């Protein structure tokens, strides 16, 4: 039922704002795909599709209609011209390609470190590496929440987490060791660091957040592209994943004390992390890099 409501809302907004007619047929049409919860935005001209496979998530909650309305209002000048719409869509796809390229570059750096430790050392400080590109609706929502219009320029200059990478590590010390090894590389520029391990969020969330810029070479230019990297222990990731599951859906009621219970569990997991690190100090050659984490900010 939630998806049905979302489709009705989305169709209403689409017809109102994007339902232009070009050569006797709609300039836009939407193809819903329930198997992967996305829809395709297709621009048409005559009998020819100019842009296809431009996928967005199906919006499930009513408040997303407001996000769409505000986004449309910010781009009325573009929506009045079919050629401007196509140009902007292509520009957006090109930007996402650049962010994907930055993710590949940083991910490769971590993979090289993994290979080196597998070859030369007795253990690996990296457990998993994953990545994602922020979806269009999330980009629009975050810009609006920060008080910015939803424009291509603001997307590039105001947001630093469109490209995201998550690295999990066995021990707390490994989090800082991996961060140190990344920041020591000449082509990685530190933009911002937030240490939610030393100073957890009120919710109990713990992780080390690092925003870096990396130079990516394309056929005709070099671009400095920001990437947000979340580095945390396996235990921290376990808590964050389950906390997200508990808070993600809004169509059922959770206990009133859920937040305090989650904070308590986070503290228990942190205590477990600390105890495991004490045991890890018995590993030959183990170094506690977490004690010098302030030096990372100067690297």
C-alpha atoms as a PDB file:
ATOM      1  CA  UNK A   1       0.000   0.000   0.000  1.00  0.00           C
ATOM      2  CA  UNK A   2       2.881   2.399   0.751  1.00  0.00           C
ATOM      3  CA  UNK A   3       4.235   2.058  -2.789  1.00  0.00           C
ATOM      4  CA  UNK A   4       0.766   2.574  -4.260  1.00  0.00           C
ATOM      5  CA  UNK A   5       0.409   5.850  -2.370  1.00  0.00           C
ATOM      6  CA  UNK A   6       3.866   6.888  -3.529  1.00  0.00           C
ATOM      7  CA  UNK A   7       3.009   6.204  -7.163  1.00  0.00           C
ATOM      8  CA  UNK A   8      -0.184   8.241  -6.986  1.00  0.00           C
ATOM      9  CA  UNK A   9       1.674  11.163  -5.469  1.00  0.00           C
ATOM     10  CA  UNK A  10       4.553  10.902  -7.898  1.00  0.00           C
ATOM     11  CA  UNK A  11       2.302  10.580 -10.941  1.00  0.00           C
ATOM     12  CA  UNK A  12       0.346  13.634  -9.802  1.00  0.00           C
ATOM     13  CA  UNK A  13       3.504  15.680  -9.444  1.00  0.00           C
ATOM     14  CA  UNK A  14       4.953  14.413 -12.703  1.00  0.00           C
ATOM     15  CA  UNK A  15       1.883  15.215 -14.742  1.00  0.00           C
ATOM     16  CA  UNK A  16       1.571  18.641 -13.200  1.00  0.00           C
ATOM     17  CA  UNK A  17       5.161  19.735 -13.646  1.00  0.00           C
ATOM     18  CA  UNK A  18       6.703  17.524 -16.298  1.00  0.00           C
ATOM     19  CA  UNK A  19       3.770  16.483 -18.450  1.00  0.00           C
ATOM     20  CA  UNK A  20       4.790  18.489 -21.498  1.00  0.00           C
ATOM     21  CA  UNK A  21       3.774  17.438 -25.003  1.00  0.00           C
ATOM     22  CA  UNK A  22       6.354  17.327 -27.752  1.00  0.00           C
ATOM     23  CA  UNK A  23       5.420  16.352 -31.313  1.00  0.00           C
ATOM     24  CA  UNK A  24       2.031  15.127 -30.182  1.00  0.00           C
ATOM     25  CA  UNK A  25       3.245  12.840 -27.390  1.00  0.00           C
ATOM     26  CA  UNK A  26       4.366  13.315 -23.760  1.00  0.00           C
ATOM     27  CA  UNK A  27       7.911  14.628 -23.473  1.00  0.00           C
ATOM     28  CA  UNK A  28       8.354  12.443 -20.376  1.00  0.00           C
ATOM     29  CA  UNK A  29       7.056   9.077 -19.380  1.00  0.00           C
ATOM     30  CA  UNK A  30       7.642   6.909 -16.330  1.00  0.00           C
ATOM     31  CA  UNK A  31       8.265   3.173 -16.330  1.00  0.00           C
ATOM     32  CA  UNK A  32       7.765   1.662 -12.851  1.00  0.00           C
ATOM     33  CA  UNK A  33       9.688  -1.452 -11.878  1.00  0.00           C
ATOM     34  CA  UNK A  34       8.465  -3.129  -8.692  1.00  0.00           C
ATOM     35  CA  UNK A  35      11.183  -5.777  -8.744  1.00  0.00           C
ATOM     36  CA  UNK A  36      13.988  -3.349  -7.938  1.00  0.00           C
ATOM     37  CA  UNK A  37      11.856  -0.497  -6.544  1.00  0.00           C
ATOM     38  CA  UNK A  38      12.956   2.030  -9.159  1.00  0.00           C
ATOM     39  CA  UNK A  39      11.436   3.918 -12.006  1.00  0.00           C
ATOM     40  CA  UNK A  40      12.963   5.062 -15.291  1.00  0.00           C
ATOM     41  CA  UNK A  41      12.677   8.675 -16.418  1.00  0.00           C
ATOM     42  CA  UNK A  42      12.698   8.675 -20.216  1.00  0.00           C
ATOM     43  CA  UNK A  43      12.865  11.796 -22.393  1.00  0.00           C
ATOM     44  CA  UNK A  44      11.346  11.319 -25.832  1.00  0.00           C
ATOM     45  CA  UNK A  45      11.396  13.126 -29.136  1.00  0.00           C
ATOM     46  CA  UNK A  46       9.078  11.885 -31.829  1.00  0.00           C
ATOM     47  CA  UNK A  47       9.478   8.108 -31.801  1.00  0.00           C
ATOM     48  CA  UNK A  48      13.007   8.222 -30.451  1.00  0.00           C
ATOM     49  CA  UNK A  49      14.072   7.926 -26.796  1.00  0.00           C
ATOM     50  CA  UNK A  50      16.827  10.442 -26.115  1.00  0.00           C
ATOM     51  CA  UNK A  51      17.595   9.474 -22.528  1.00  0.00           C
ATOM     52  CA  UNK A  52      16.650   6.112 -21.055  1.00  0.00           C
ATOM     53  CA  UNK A  53      17.450   4.125 -17.967  1.00  0.00           C
ATOM     54  CA  UNK A  54      17.747   7.174 -15.705  1.00  0.00           C
ATOM     55  CA  UNK A  55      16.734   5.407 -12.495  1.00  0.00           C
ATOM     56  CA  UNK A  56      15.370   6.857  -9.257  1.00  0.00           C
ATOM     57  CA  UNK A  57      13.981   5.076  -6.198  1.00  0.00           C
ATOM     58  CA  UNK A  58      10.205   4.823  -5.902  1.00  0.00           C
ATOM     59  CA  UNK A  59       9.161   7.284  -3.192  1.00  0.00           C
ATOM     60  CA  UNK A  60       7.307   5.558  -0.392  1.00  0.00           C
ATOM     61  CA  UNK A  61       6.498   8.348   2.034  1.00  0.00           C
ATOM     62  CA  UNK A  62       4.106  11.260   1.595  1.00  0.00           C
ATOM     63  CA  UNK A  63       6.613  13.879   2.776  1.00  0.00           C
ATOM     64  CA  UNK A  64       8.686  13.143  -0.332  1.00  0.00           C
ATOM     65  CA  UNK A  65       6.040  14.961  -2.369  1.00  0.00           C
ATOM     66  CA  UNK A  66       7.099  18.168  -0.629  1.00  0.00           C
ATOM     67  CA  UNK A  67      10.750  17.494  -1.508  1.00  0.00           C
ATOM     68  CA  UNK A  68       9.771  17.036  -5.162  1.00  0.00           C
ATOM     69  CA  UNK A  69       7.600  20.171  -5.213  1.00  0.00           C
ATOM     70  CA  UNK A  70      10.408  22.286  -3.767  1.00  0.00           C
ATOM     71  CA  UNK A  71      12.919  20.794  -6.195  1.00  0.00           C
ATOM     72  CA  UNK A  72      10.618  21.631  -9.104  1.00  0.00           C
ATOM     73  CA  UNK A  73      10.170  25.164  -7.784  1.00  0.00           C
ATOM     74  CA  UNK A  74      13.968  25.593  -7.656  1.00  0.00           C
ATOM     75  CA  UNK A  75      14.250  24.542 -11.309  1.00  0.00           C
ATOM     76  CA  UNK A  76      11.260  26.163 -13.027  1.00  0.00           C
ATOM     77  CA  UNK A  77      13.545  27.817 -15.557  1.00  0.00           C
ATOM     78  CA  UNK A  78      14.840  24.402 -16.615  1.00  0.00           C
ATOM     79  CA  UNK A  79      11.455  22.673 -16.698  1.00  0.00           C
ATOM     80  CA  UNK A  80      10.079  25.213 -19.144  1.00  0.00           C
ATOM     81  CA  UNK A  81      12.512  24.122 -21.859  1.00  0.00           C
ATOM     82  CA  UNK A  82      12.795  20.530 -23.175  1.00  0.00           C
ATOM     83  CA  UNK A  83      16.343  21.149 -24.370  1.00  0.00           C
ATOM     84  CA  UNK A  84      17.377  22.495 -20.950  1.00  0.00           C
ATOM     85  CA  UNK A  85      15.841  19.454 -19.248  1.00  0.00           C
ATOM     86  CA  UNK A  86      17.830  17.067 -21.432  1.00  0.00           C
ATOM     87  CA  UNK A  87      21.009  19.080 -20.970  1.00  0.00           C
ATOM     88  CA  UNK A  88      20.592  19.080 -17.185  1.00  0.00           C
ATOM     89  CA  UNK A  89      19.821  15.347 -17.115  1.00  0.00           C
ATOM     90  CA  UNK A  90      22.977  14.612 -19.092  1.00  0.00           C
ATOM     91  CA  UNK A  91      25.012  16.921 -16.837  1.00  0.00           C
ATOM     92  CA  UNK A  92      23.642  15.120 -13.772  1.00  0.00           C
ATOM     93  CA  UNK A  93      24.573  11.722 -15.221  1.00  0.00           C
ATOM     94  CA  UNK A  94      28.062  13.022 -15.985  1.00  0.00           C
ATOM     95  CA  UNK A  95      28.462  14.286 -12.415  1.00  0.00           C
ATOM     96  CA  UNK A  96      27.435  10.925 -10.990  1.00  0.00           C
ATOM     97  CA  UNK A  97      29.988   9.273 -13.277  1.00  0.00           C
ATOM     98  CA  UNK A  98      32.675  11.534 -11.791  1.00  0.00           C
ATOM     99  CA  UNK A  99      31.667  10.632  -8.241  1.00  0.00           C
ATOM    100  CA  UNK A 100      31.688   6.943  -9.192  1.00  0.00           C
ATOM    101  CA  UNK A 101      35.204   7.430 -10.561  1.00  0.00           C
ATOM    102  CA  UNK A 102      36.354   8.997  -7.288  1.00  0.00           C
ATOM    103  CA  UNK A 103      34.927   6.021  -5.387  1.00  0.00           C
ATOM    104  CA  UNK A 104      36.844   3.642  -7.653  1.00  0.00           C
ATOM    105  CA  UNK A 105      40.054   5.561  -7.034  1.00  0.00           C
ATOM    106  CA  UNK A 106      39.768   5.577  -3.233  1.00  0.00           C
ATOM    107  CA  UNK A 107      38.487   1.987  -3.116  1.00  0.00           C
ATOM    108  CA  UNK A 108      41.523   0.907  -5.129  1.00  0.00           C
ATOM    109  CA  UNK A 109      43.783   2.545  -2.538  1.00  0.00           C
ATOM    110  CA  UNK A 110      42.188   0.472   0.212  1.00  0.00           C
ATOM    111  CA  UNK A 111      42.358  -2.686  -1.892  1.00  0.00           C
ATOM    112  CA  UNK A 112      46.071  -2.142  -2.502  1.00  0.00           C
ATOM    113  CA  UNK A 113      46.597  -1.820   1.265  1.00  0.00           C
ATOM    114  CA  UNK A 114      44.638  -5.065   1.709  1.00  0.00           C
ATOM    115  CA  UNK A 115      46.854  -6.839  -0.833  1.00  0.00           C
ATOM    116  CA  UNK A 116      50.023  -5.521   0.808  1.00  0.00           C
ATOM    117  CA  UNK A 117      49.002  -6.701   4.267  1.00  0.00           C
ATOM    118  CA  UNK A 118      47.958 -10.089   2.921  1.00  0.00           C
ATOM    119  CA  UNK A 119      51.380 -10.452   1.300  1.00  0.00           C
ATOM    120  CA  UNK A 120      53.738  -8.945   3.889  1.00  0.00           C
ATOM    121  CA  UNK A 121      52.032  -9.053   7.269  1.00  0.00           C
ATOM    122  CA  UNK A 122      50.404 -11.609   9.536  1.00  0.00           C
ATOM    123  CA  UNK A 123      47.019  -9.925   9.685  1.00  0.00           C
ATOM    124  CA  UNK A 124      44.909  -7.388   7.787  1.00  0.00           C
ATOM    125  CA  UNK A 125      43.516  -4.213   9.418  1.00  0.00           C
ATOM    126  CA  UNK A 126      40.738  -4.026   6.787  1.00  0.00           C
ATOM    127  CA  UNK A 127      37.782  -6.389   7.060  1.00  0.00           C
ATOM    128  CA  UNK A 128      35.333  -5.071   4.417  1.00  0.00           C
ATOM    129  CA  UNK A 129      35.032  -2.220   1.901  1.00  0.00           C
ATOM    130  CA  UNK A 130      31.712  -1.026   0.502  1.00  0.00           C
ATOM    131  CA  UNK A 131      30.526   2.080  -1.329  1.00  0.00           C
ATOM    132  CA  UNK A 132      27.456   3.946  -2.518  1.00  0.00           C
ATOM    133  CA  UNK A 133      26.341   7.021  -4.461  1.00  0.00           C
ATOM    134  CA  UNK A 134      23.673   9.123  -2.735  1.00  0.00           C
ATOM    135  CA  UNK A 135      20.371   8.785  -4.631  1.00  0.00           C
ATOM    136  CA  UNK A 136      18.729  11.886  -6.222  1.00  0.00           C
ATOM    137  CA  UNK A 137      15.954  12.185  -3.639  1.00  0.00           C
ATOM    138  CA  UNK A 138      18.464  12.062  -0.764  1.00  0.00           C
ATOM    139  CA  UNK A 139      20.559  14.734  -2.475  1.00  0.00           C
ATOM    140  CA  UNK A 140      17.503  16.987  -2.805  1.00  0.00           C
ATOM    141  CA  UNK A 141      16.378  16.348   0.785  1.00  0.00           C
ATOM    142  CA  UNK A 142      19.806  17.146   2.243  1.00  0.00           C
ATOM    143  CA  UNK A 143      20.183  20.374   0.262  1.00  0.00           C
ATOM    144  CA  UNK A 144      16.736  21.508   1.408  1.00  0.00           C
ATOM    145  CA  UNK A 145      17.476  20.552   5.009  1.00  0.00           C
ATOM    146  CA  UNK A 146      20.617  22.711   4.852  1.00  0.00           C
ATOM    147  CA  UNK A 147      18.598  25.611   3.426  1.00  0.00           C
ATOM    148  CA  UNK A 148      19.955  25.467  -0.133  1.00  0.00           C
ATOM    149  CA  UNK A 149      18.083  25.386  -3.426  1.00  0.00           C
ATOM    150  CA  UNK A 150      18.245  22.078  -5.282  1.00  0.00           C
ATOM    151  CA  UNK A 151      20.570  23.030  -8.121  1.00  0.00           C
ATOM    152  CA  UNK A 152      23.482  21.366  -9.834  1.00  0.00           C
ATOM    153  CA  UNK A 153      25.879  24.011  -8.524  1.00  0.00           C
ATOM    154  CA  UNK A 154      24.775  23.528  -4.902  1.00  0.00           C
ATOM    155  CA  UNK A 155      25.001  19.775  -5.307  1.00  0.00           C
ATOM    156  CA  UNK A 156      28.688  20.119  -6.224  1.00  0.00           C
ATOM    157  CA  UNK A 157      29.707  22.907  -3.834  1.00  0.00           C
ATOM    158  CA  UNK A 158      27.560  22.275  -0.726  1.00  0.00           C
ATOM    159  CA  UNK A 159      27.546  18.478  -0.376  1.00  0.00           C
ATOM    160  CA  UNK A 160      30.605  16.362   0.381  1.00  0.00           C
ATOM    161  CA  UNK A 161      28.969  12.973   0.917  1.00  0.00           C
ATOM    162  CA  UNK A 162      27.471  12.214  -2.507  1.00  0.00           C
ATOM    163  CA  UNK A 163      30.239   9.645  -2.922  1.00  0.00           C
ATOM    164  CA  UNK A 164      30.563   7.431   0.145  1.00  0.00           C
ATOM    165  CA  UNK A 165      32.828   4.566   1.191  1.00  0.00           C
ATOM    166  CA  UNK A 166      32.575   2.437   4.320  1.00  0.00           C
ATOM    167  CA  UNK A 167      35.501   0.449   5.706  1.00  0.00           C
ATOM    168  CA  UNK A 168      35.192  -1.950   8.631  1.00  0.00           C
ATOM    169  CA  UNK A 169      38.160  -3.023  10.723  1.00  0.00           C
ATOM    170  CA  UNK A 170      38.729  -5.721  13.366  1.00  0.00           C
ATOM    171  CA  UNK A 171      39.974  -3.427  16.154  1.00  0.00           C
ATOM    172  CA  UNK A 172      39.657   0.238  17.157  1.00  0.00           C
ATOM    173  CA  UNK A 173      43.376   0.727  16.582  1.00  0.00           C
ATOM    174  CA  UNK A 174      42.956  -0.487  12.990  1.00  0.00           C
ATOM    175  CA  UNK A 175      40.452   2.309  12.314  1.00  0.00           C
ATOM    176  CA  UNK A 176      43.110   4.920  13.026  1.00  0.00           C
ATOM    177  CA  UNK A 177      45.879   2.942  11.329  1.00  0.00           C
ATOM    178  CA  UNK A 178      43.912   2.634   8.088  1.00  0.00           C
ATOM    179  CA  UNK A 179      43.001   6.337   8.216  1.00  0.00           C
ATOM    180  CA  UNK A 180      46.637   7.254   8.786  1.00  0.00           C
ATOM    181  CA  UNK A 181      47.828   5.183   5.822  1.00  0.00           C
ATOM    182  CA  UNK A 182      45.233   6.820   3.553  1.00  0.00           C
ATOM    183  CA  UNK A 183      45.972  10.390   4.613  1.00  0.00           C
ATOM    184  CA  UNK A 184      49.722   9.918   4.169  1.00  0.00           C
ATOM    185  CA  UNK A 185      49.233   9.511   0.415  1.00  0.00           C
ATOM    186  CA  UNK A 186      50.240  12.621  -1.536  1.00  0.00           C
ATOM    187  CA  UNK A 187      47.161  12.735  -3.759  1.00  0.00           C
ATOM    188  CA  UNK A 188      44.677  12.604  -0.865  1.00  0.00           C
ATOM    189  CA  UNK A 189      43.659  15.925   0.700  1.00  0.00           C
ATOM    190  CA  UNK A 190      41.962  15.927   4.102  1.00  0.00           C
ATOM    191  CA  UNK A 191      38.907  18.213   4.111  1.00  0.00           C
ATOM    192  CA  UNK A 192      37.271  17.281   7.409  1.00  0.00           C
ATOM    193  CA  UNK A 193      37.465  14.673  10.151  1.00  0.00           C
ATOM    194  CA  UNK A 194      34.798  13.872  12.741  1.00  0.00           C
ATOM    195  CA  UNK A 195      35.723  11.352  15.402  1.00  0.00           C
ATOM    196  CA  UNK A 196      32.525   9.790  16.717  1.00  0.00           C
ATOM    197  CA  UNK A 197      34.587   7.085  18.419  1.00  0.00           C
ATOM    198  CA  UNK A 198      36.189   9.475  20.887  1.00  0.00           C
ATOM    199  CA  UNK A 199      33.015  11.595  21.033  1.00  0.00           C
ATOM    200  CA  UNK A 200      29.990   9.407  20.162  1.00  0.00           C
ATOM    201  CA  UNK A 201      26.738  10.891  18.916  1.00  0.00           C
ATOM    202  CA  UNK A 202      23.887  11.219  21.412  1.00  0.00           C
ATOM    203  CA  UNK A 203      22.300   8.139  19.854  1.00  0.00           C
ATOM    204  CA  UNK A 204      25.346   6.034  20.724  1.00  0.00           C
ATOM    205  CA  UNK A 205      26.630   5.964  17.131  1.00  0.00           C
ATOM    206  CA  UNK A 206      30.379   5.485  16.814  1.00  0.00           C
ATOM    207  CA  UNK A 207      32.543   5.775  13.701  1.00  0.00           C
ATOM    208  CA  UNK A 208      35.396   7.840  12.286  1.00  0.00           C
ATOM    209  CA  UNK A 209      34.175  10.072   9.445  1.00  0.00           C
ATOM    210  CA  UNK A 210      36.734  11.461   7.045  1.00  0.00           C
ATOM    211  CA  UNK A 211      36.053  13.663   4.025  1.00  0.00           C
ATOM    212  CA  UNK A 212      38.868  13.738   1.494  1.00  0.00           C
ATOM    213  CA  UNK A 213      39.381  15.135  -1.966  1.00  0.00           C
ATOM    214  CA  UNK A 214      41.078  13.040  -4.619  1.00  0.00           C
ATOM    215  CA  UNK A 215      42.260  14.097  -8.040  1.00  0.00           C
ATOM    216  CA  UNK A 216      40.621  12.099 -10.818  1.00  0.00           C
ATOM    217  CA  UNK A 217      41.924  12.304 -14.376  1.00  0.00           C
ATOM    218  CA  UNK A 218      39.471  12.262 -17.264  1.00  0.00           C
ATOM    219  CA  UNK A 219      40.117  12.537 -20.996  1.00  0.00           C
ATOM    220  CA  UNK A 220      40.263  16.330 -20.983  1.00  0.00           C
ATOM    221  CA  UNK A 221      40.701  17.459 -17.377  1.00  0.00           C
ATOM    222  CA  UNK A 222      41.590  16.677 -13.781  1.00  0.00           C
ATOM    223  CA  UNK A 223      38.871  17.121 -11.161  1.00  0.00           C
ATOM    224  CA  UNK A 224      39.181  17.289  -7.382  1.00  0.00           C
ATOM    225  CA  UNK A 225      36.242  15.252  -6.095  1.00  0.00           C
ATOM    226  CA  UNK A 226      35.150  14.863  -2.445  1.00  0.00           C
ATOM    227  CA  UNK A 227      34.509  11.441  -0.947  1.00  0.00           C
ATOM    228  CA  UNK A 228      33.142  10.728   2.516  1.00  0.00           C
ATOM    229  CA  UNK A 229      34.724   7.707   4.194  1.00  0.00           C
ATOM    230  CA  UNK A 230      33.252   6.039   7.274  1.00  0.00           C
ATOM    231  CA  UNK A 231      35.751   3.817   9.051  1.00  0.00           C
ATOM    232  CA  UNK A 232      34.659   1.752  12.052  1.00  0.00           C
ATOM    233  CA  UNK A 233      35.013  -1.598  13.744  1.00  0.00           C
ATOM    234  CA  UNK A 234      32.940  -4.654  12.892  1.00  0.00           C
ATOM    235  CA  UNK A 235      31.122  -4.223  16.208  1.00  0.00           C
ATOM    236  CA  UNK A 236      30.310  -0.556  15.531  1.00  0.00           C
ATOM    237  CA  UNK A 237      29.016  -1.492  12.095  1.00  0.00           C
ATOM    238  CA  UNK A 238      26.832  -4.208  13.610  1.00  0.00           C
ATOM    239  CA  UNK A 239      25.169  -1.667  15.909  1.00  0.00           C
ATOM    240  CA  UNK A 240      24.760   0.954  13.157  1.00  0.00           C
ATOM    241  CA  UNK A 241      23.160  -1.533  10.755  1.00  0.00           C
ATOM    242  CA  UNK A 242      20.598  -2.753  13.286  1.00  0.00           C
ATOM    243  CA  UNK A 243      19.870   0.767  14.574  1.00  0.00           C
ATOM    244  CA  UNK A 244      19.105   1.794  10.992  1.00  0.00           C
ATOM    245  CA  UNK A 245      16.713  -1.135  10.603  1.00  0.00           C
ATOM    246  CA  UNK A 246      14.851  -0.177  13.768  1.00  0.00           C
ATOM    247  CA  UNK A 247      14.471   3.485  12.782  1.00  0.00           C
ATOM    248  CA  UNK A 248      14.050   3.140   9.016  1.00  0.00           C
ATOM    249  CA  UNK A 249      10.323   2.352   8.848  1.00  0.00           C
ATOM    250  CA  UNK A 250       7.798   4.794  10.285  1.00  0.00           C
ATOM    251  CA  UNK A 251       4.622   2.761   9.940  1.00  0.00           C
ATOM    252  CA  UNK A 252       4.891   0.940  13.259  1.00  0.00           C
ATOM    253  CA  UNK A 253       5.424   2.054  16.847  1.00  0.00           C
ATOM    254  CA  UNK A 254       8.590   1.286  18.753  1.00  0.00           C
ATOM    255  CA  UNK A 255       8.894   1.308  22.570  1.00  0.00           C
ATOM    256  CA  UNK A 256       9.216   4.768  24.141  1.00  0.00           C
ATOM    257  CA  UNK A 257      12.574   3.858  25.693  1.00  0.00           C
ATOM    258  CA  UNK A 258      14.137   2.570  22.463  1.00  0.00           C
ATOM    259  CA  UNK A 259      16.664   5.427  22.229  1.00  0.00           C
ATOM    260  CA  UNK A 260      18.005   4.913  25.741  1.00  0.00           C
ATOM    261  CA  UNK A 261      18.097   1.151  25.139  1.00  0.00           C
ATOM    262  CA  UNK A 262      20.068   1.640  21.914  1.00  0.00           C
ATOM    263  CA  UNK A 263      22.534   3.927  23.709  1.00  0.00           C
ATOM    264  CA  UNK A 264      22.979   1.302  26.393  1.00  0.00           C
ATOM    265  CA  UNK A 265      23.637  -1.405  23.802  1.00  0.00           C
ATOM    266  CA  UNK A 266      26.108   0.904  22.025  1.00  0.00           C
ATOM    267  CA  UNK A 267      27.998   1.370  25.294  1.00  0.00           C
ATOM    268  CA  UNK A 268      28.079  -2.398  25.815  1.00  0.00           C
ATOM    269  CA  UNK A 269      29.433  -2.916  22.294  1.00  0.00           C
ATOM    270  CA  UNK A 270      32.040  -0.211  22.887  1.00  0.00           C
ATOM    271  CA  UNK A 271      33.130  -1.965  26.067  1.00  0.00           C
ATOM    272  CA  UNK A 272      33.452  -5.188  24.059  1.00  0.00           C
ATOM    273  CA  UNK A 273      35.556  -3.373  21.443  1.00  0.00           C
ATOM    274  CA  UNK A 274      37.876  -2.059  24.160  1.00  0.00           C
ATOM    275  CA  UNK A 275      38.256  -5.468  25.768  1.00  0.00           C
ATOM    276  CA  UNK A 276      39.001  -7.100  22.411  1.00  0.00           C
ATOM    277  CA  UNK A 277      41.640  -4.465  21.739  1.00  0.00           C
ATOM    278  CA  UNK A 278      43.308  -5.230  25.062  1.00  0.00           C
ATOM    279  CA  UNK A 279      43.493  -8.863  23.997  1.00  0.00           C
ATOM    280  CA  UNK A 280      44.862  -7.817  20.593  1.00  0.00           C
ATOM    281  CA  UNK A 281      47.855  -6.233  22.309  1.00  0.00           C
ATOM    282  CA  UNK A 282      49.132  -9.792  22.789  1.00  0.00           C
ATOM    283  CA  UNK A 283      49.513 -10.121  18.990  1.00  0.00           C
ATOM    284  CA  UNK A 284      53.225  -9.772  18.105  1.00  0.00           C
ATOM    285  CA  UNK A 285      53.897  -6.386  16.555  1.00  0.00           C
ATOM    286  CA  UNK A 286      50.479  -4.948  17.476  1.00  0.00           C
ATOM    287  CA  UNK A 287      50.559  -1.121  17.748  1.00  0.00           C
ATOM    288  CA  UNK A 288      47.803   0.969  19.323  1.00  0.00           C
ATOM    289  CA  UNK A 289      47.374   3.726  16.734  1.00  0.00           C
ATOM    290  CA  UNK A 290      44.306   5.142  18.482  1.00  0.00           C
ATOM    291  CA  UNK A 291      46.496   6.908  21.068  1.00  0.00           C
ATOM    292  CA  UNK A 292      47.932   9.248  18.426  1.00  0.00           C
ATOM    293  CA  UNK A 293      44.785   9.977  16.497  1.00  0.00           C
ATOM    294  CA  UNK A 294      45.195  13.766  16.874  1.00  0.00           C
ATOM    295  CA  UNK A 295      48.256  13.525  14.621  1.00  0.00           C
ATOM    296  CA  UNK A 296      45.988  12.398  11.780  1.00  0.00           C
ATOM    297  CA  UNK A 297      44.476  15.880  11.573  1.00  0.00           C
ATOM    298  CA  UNK A 298      47.889  17.335  10.924  1.00  0.00           C
ATOM    299  CA  UNK A 299      48.817  14.899   8.166  1.00  0.00           C
END
